[in-house]
Amino acid sequence: MDTGTILGYFAGYVAAMGGVALLYLPVIVLLVALLIAGGVLQVLLLPFIALFKRLRRRPETDLDPSWFLDRGR
């Protein structure tokens, strides 16, 4: 094998990797766009999530359950 053959194989491998990357580029771009859109949506909805958590919080009881462990002292 001479140098030209090795360089030809190398160029073929690089071209094949570039072709595969171009084939999957729309999928990668769509995945990145969906991740960014999900993050932006989560940041925009953060105040509403905090509000819903505050509204759903149960009032704390005034009962102290520590008397269960007290053995009549």
N, C-alpha and C. Protein backbone atom coordinates (compact mmCIF):
# COMPACT_ATOMS: atom_id res chain seq x y z
N MET A 1 0.85 -1.18 0.00
CA MET A 1 0.00 0.00 0.00
C MET A 1 0.89 1.23 0.00
N ASP A 2 0.60 2.10 -0.89
CA ASP A 2 1.38 3.33 -0.93
C ASP A 2 0.65 4.45 -0.20
N THR A 3 1.28 5.61 -0.17
CA THR A 3 0.74 6.74 0.59
C THR A 3 -0.58 7.23 0.02
N GLY A 4 -0.72 7.21 -1.28
CA GLY A 4 -1.96 7.67 -1.91
C GLY A 4 -3.16 6.82 -1.53
N THR A 5 -2.96 5.50 -1.41
CA THR A 5 -4.05 4.61 -1.02
C THR A 5 -4.47 4.87 0.42
N ILE A 6 -3.50 5.03 1.30
CA ILE A 6 -3.81 5.30 2.70
C ILE A 6 -4.53 6.63 2.84
N LEU A 7 -4.06 7.66 2.13
CA LEU A 7 -4.75 8.96 2.17
C LEU A 7 -6.15 8.87 1.57
N GLY A 8 -6.32 8.04 0.55
CA GLY A 8 -7.65 7.84 -0.04
C GLY A 8 -8.61 7.18 0.94
N TYR A 9 -8.12 6.15 1.63
CA TYR A 9 -8.96 5.51 2.65
C TYR A 9 -9.31 6.49 3.77
N PHE A 10 -8.32 7.27 4.19
CA PHE A 10 -8.57 8.25 5.25
C PHE A 10 -9.61 9.27 4.80
N ALA A 11 -9.48 9.76 3.57
CA ALA A 11 -10.46 10.71 3.04
C ALA A 11 -11.85 10.07 2.95
N GLY A 12 -11.90 8.79 2.58
CA GLY A 12 -13.18 8.09 2.52
C GLY A 12 -13.83 7.96 3.88
N TYR A 13 -13.03 7.64 4.90
CA TYR A 13 -13.56 7.54 6.26
C TYR A 13 -14.07 8.90 6.75
N VAL A 14 -13.31 9.94 6.47
CA VAL A 14 -13.74 11.28 6.88
C VAL A 14 -15.01 11.68 6.15
N ALA A 15 -15.10 11.37 4.87
CA ALA A 15 -16.30 11.69 4.10
C ALA A 15 -17.50 10.89 4.61
N ALA A 16 -17.29 9.64 4.98
CA ALA A 16 -18.39 8.83 5.53
C ALA A 16 -18.86 9.39 6.86
N MET A 17 -17.93 9.79 7.71
CA MET A 17 -18.32 10.39 8.99
C MET A 17 -19.06 11.70 8.77
N GLY A 18 -18.61 12.49 7.82
CA GLY A 18 -19.30 13.74 7.51
C GLY A 18 -20.70 13.49 6.97
N GLY A 19 -20.86 12.48 6.13
CA GLY A 19 -22.18 12.15 5.59
C GLY A 19 -23.14 11.69 6.67
N VAL A 20 -22.64 10.85 7.58
CA VAL A 20 -23.49 10.39 8.69
C VAL A 20 -23.86 11.56 9.58
N ALA A 21 -22.91 12.46 9.83
CA ALA A 21 -23.21 13.63 10.65
C ALA A 21 -24.26 14.51 9.97
N LEU A 22 -24.17 14.67 8.66
CA LEU A 22 -25.17 15.47 7.95
C LEU A 22 -26.53 14.78 7.95
N LEU A 23 -26.55 13.46 7.91
CA LEU A 23 -27.83 12.75 7.96
C LEU A 23 -28.53 12.94 9.30
N TYR A 24 -27.75 12.94 10.39
CA TYR A 24 -28.33 13.05 11.73
C TYR A 24 -28.40 14.48 12.23
N LEU A 25 -27.93 15.45 11.45
CA LEU A 25 -27.93 16.84 11.88
C LEU A 25 -29.35 17.37 12.17
N PRO A 26 -30.36 17.10 11.34
CA PRO A 26 -31.71 17.58 11.69
C PRO A 26 -32.23 17.01 13.01
N VAL A 27 -31.91 15.76 13.28
CA VAL A 27 -32.36 15.14 14.53
C VAL A 27 -31.67 15.81 15.72
N ILE A 28 -30.39 16.07 15.59
CA ILE A 28 -29.63 16.70 16.67
C ILE A 28 -30.13 18.12 16.90
N VAL A 29 -30.37 18.86 15.81
CA VAL A 29 -30.87 20.24 15.93
C VAL A 29 -32.25 20.24 16.58
N LEU A 30 -33.12 19.30 16.18
CA LEU A 30 -34.45 19.22 16.78
C LEU A 30 -34.38 18.88 18.26
N LEU A 31 -33.49 17.97 18.64
CA LEU A 31 -33.34 17.62 20.04
C LEU A 31 -32.86 18.81 20.86
N VAL A 32 -31.89 19.54 20.35
CA VAL A 32 -31.39 20.72 21.07
C VAL A 32 -32.48 21.78 21.16
N ALA A 33 -33.24 21.99 20.08
CA ALA A 33 -34.31 22.98 20.11
C ALA A 33 -35.40 22.59 21.12
N LEU A 34 -35.72 21.31 21.20
CA LEU A 34 -36.73 20.88 22.17
C LEU A 34 -36.24 21.04 23.60
N LEU A 35 -34.96 20.76 23.84
CA LEU A 35 -34.41 20.95 25.18
C LEU A 35 -34.43 22.43 25.57
N ILE A 36 -34.08 23.29 24.65
CA ILE A 36 -34.09 24.73 24.94
C ILE A 36 -35.53 25.21 25.17
N ALA A 37 -36.46 24.76 24.34
CA ALA A 37 -37.86 25.17 24.50
C ALA A 37 -38.43 24.68 25.82
N GLY A 38 -38.07 23.45 26.21
CA GLY A 38 -38.53 22.94 27.50
C GLY A 38 -37.97 23.74 28.66
N GLY A 39 -36.71 24.13 28.58
CA GLY A 39 -36.11 24.94 29.63
C GLY A 39 -36.74 26.31 29.73
N VAL A 40 -36.99 26.94 28.58
CA VAL A 40 -37.63 28.26 28.58
C VAL A 40 -39.04 28.16 29.14
N LEU A 41 -39.78 27.13 28.75
CA LEU A 41 -41.14 26.95 29.27
C LEU A 41 -41.13 26.72 30.77
N GLN A 42 -40.16 25.96 31.25
CA GLN A 42 -40.08 25.71 32.69
C GLN A 42 -39.76 26.99 33.45
N VAL A 43 -38.89 27.82 32.91
CA VAL A 43 -38.57 29.09 33.57
C VAL A 43 -39.78 30.02 33.55
N LEU A 44 -40.53 30.02 32.45
CA LEU A 44 -41.71 30.89 32.38
C LEU A 44 -42.82 30.44 33.33
N LEU A 45 -42.92 29.14 33.57
CA LEU A 45 -43.97 28.61 34.44
C LEU A 45 -43.55 28.52 35.91
N LEU A 46 -42.33 28.87 36.22
CA LEU A 46 -41.83 28.76 37.59
C LEU A 46 -42.65 29.55 38.61
N PRO A 47 -43.08 30.79 38.33
CA PRO A 47 -43.92 31.50 39.32
C PRO A 47 -45.25 30.80 39.57
N PHE A 48 -45.85 30.23 38.52
CA PHE A 48 -47.12 29.54 38.70
C PHE A 48 -46.94 28.25 39.50
N ILE A 49 -45.84 27.56 39.28
CA ILE A 49 -45.57 26.34 40.04
C ILE A 49 -45.40 26.67 41.52
N ALA A 50 -44.68 27.76 41.80
CA ALA A 50 -44.50 28.17 43.20
C ALA A 50 -45.84 28.56 43.83
N LEU A 51 -46.70 29.23 43.06
CA LEU A 51 -48.01 29.62 43.56
C LEU A 51 -48.86 28.39 43.86
N PHE A 52 -48.87 27.41 42.97
CA PHE A 52 -49.66 26.20 43.20
C PHE A 52 -49.14 25.43 44.40
N LYS A 53 -47.82 25.38 44.58
CA LYS A 53 -47.29 24.69 45.74
C LYS A 53 -47.66 25.41 47.03
N ARG A 54 -47.70 26.73 46.99
CA ARG A 54 -48.08 27.49 48.18
C ARG A 54 -49.56 27.30 48.49
N LEU A 55 -50.39 27.22 47.46
CA LEU A 55 -51.83 27.03 47.69
C LEU A 55 -52.15 25.61 48.17
N ARG A 56 -51.38 24.62 47.74
CA ARG A 56 -51.66 23.24 48.12
C ARG A 56 -51.04 22.87 49.45
N ARG A 57 -50.23 23.72 50.03
CA ARG A 57 -49.57 23.39 51.30
C ARG A 57 -50.62 23.23 52.39
N ARG A 58 -50.51 22.16 53.14
CA ARG A 58 -51.45 21.91 54.23
C ARG A 58 -51.03 22.71 55.45
N PRO A 59 -52.00 23.18 56.20
CA PRO A 59 -51.62 23.91 57.42
C PRO A 59 -50.98 22.96 58.42
N GLU A 60 -49.98 23.47 59.09
CA GLU A 60 -49.29 22.64 60.06
C GLU A 60 -50.13 22.50 61.33
N THR A 61 -50.13 21.31 61.89
CA THR A 61 -50.94 21.05 63.08
C THR A 61 -50.20 21.55 64.32
N ASP A 62 -50.98 21.86 65.35
CA ASP A 62 -50.41 22.34 66.60
C ASP A 62 -50.09 21.18 67.55
N LEU A 63 -50.41 19.97 67.15
CA LEU A 63 -50.18 18.83 68.02
C LEU A 63 -48.70 18.47 68.03
N ASP A 64 -48.20 18.20 69.22
CA ASP A 64 -46.81 17.79 69.37
C ASP A 64 -46.79 16.28 69.61
N PRO A 65 -46.31 15.48 68.64
CA PRO A 65 -46.38 14.02 68.81
C PRO A 65 -45.28 13.47 69.71
N SER A 66 -44.51 14.32 70.35
CA SER A 66 -43.42 13.81 71.18
C SER A 66 -43.94 13.10 72.43
N TRP A 67 -45.19 13.32 72.83
CA TRP A 67 -45.70 12.67 74.03
C TRP A 67 -45.86 11.17 73.82
N PHE A 68 -45.86 10.71 72.54
CA PHE A 68 -45.95 9.27 72.29
C PHE A 68 -44.73 8.55 72.85
N LEU A 69 -43.58 9.18 72.80
CA LEU A 69 -42.35 8.53 73.23
C LEU A 69 -42.09 8.72 74.71
N ASP A 70 -42.85 9.58 75.36
CA ASP A 70 -42.67 9.83 76.80
C ASP A 70 -43.34 8.70 77.58
N ARG A 71 -42.60 8.03 78.44
CA ARG A 71 -43.14 6.88 79.15
C ARG A 71 -43.57 7.24 80.57
N GLY A 72 -44.32 8.29 80.71
CA GLY A 72 -44.90 8.63 81.99
C GLY A 72 -43.95 9.30 82.96
N ARG A 73 -43.03 10.01 82.49
CA ARG A 73 -42.13 10.74 83.41
C ARG A 73 -42.81 11.91 84.00
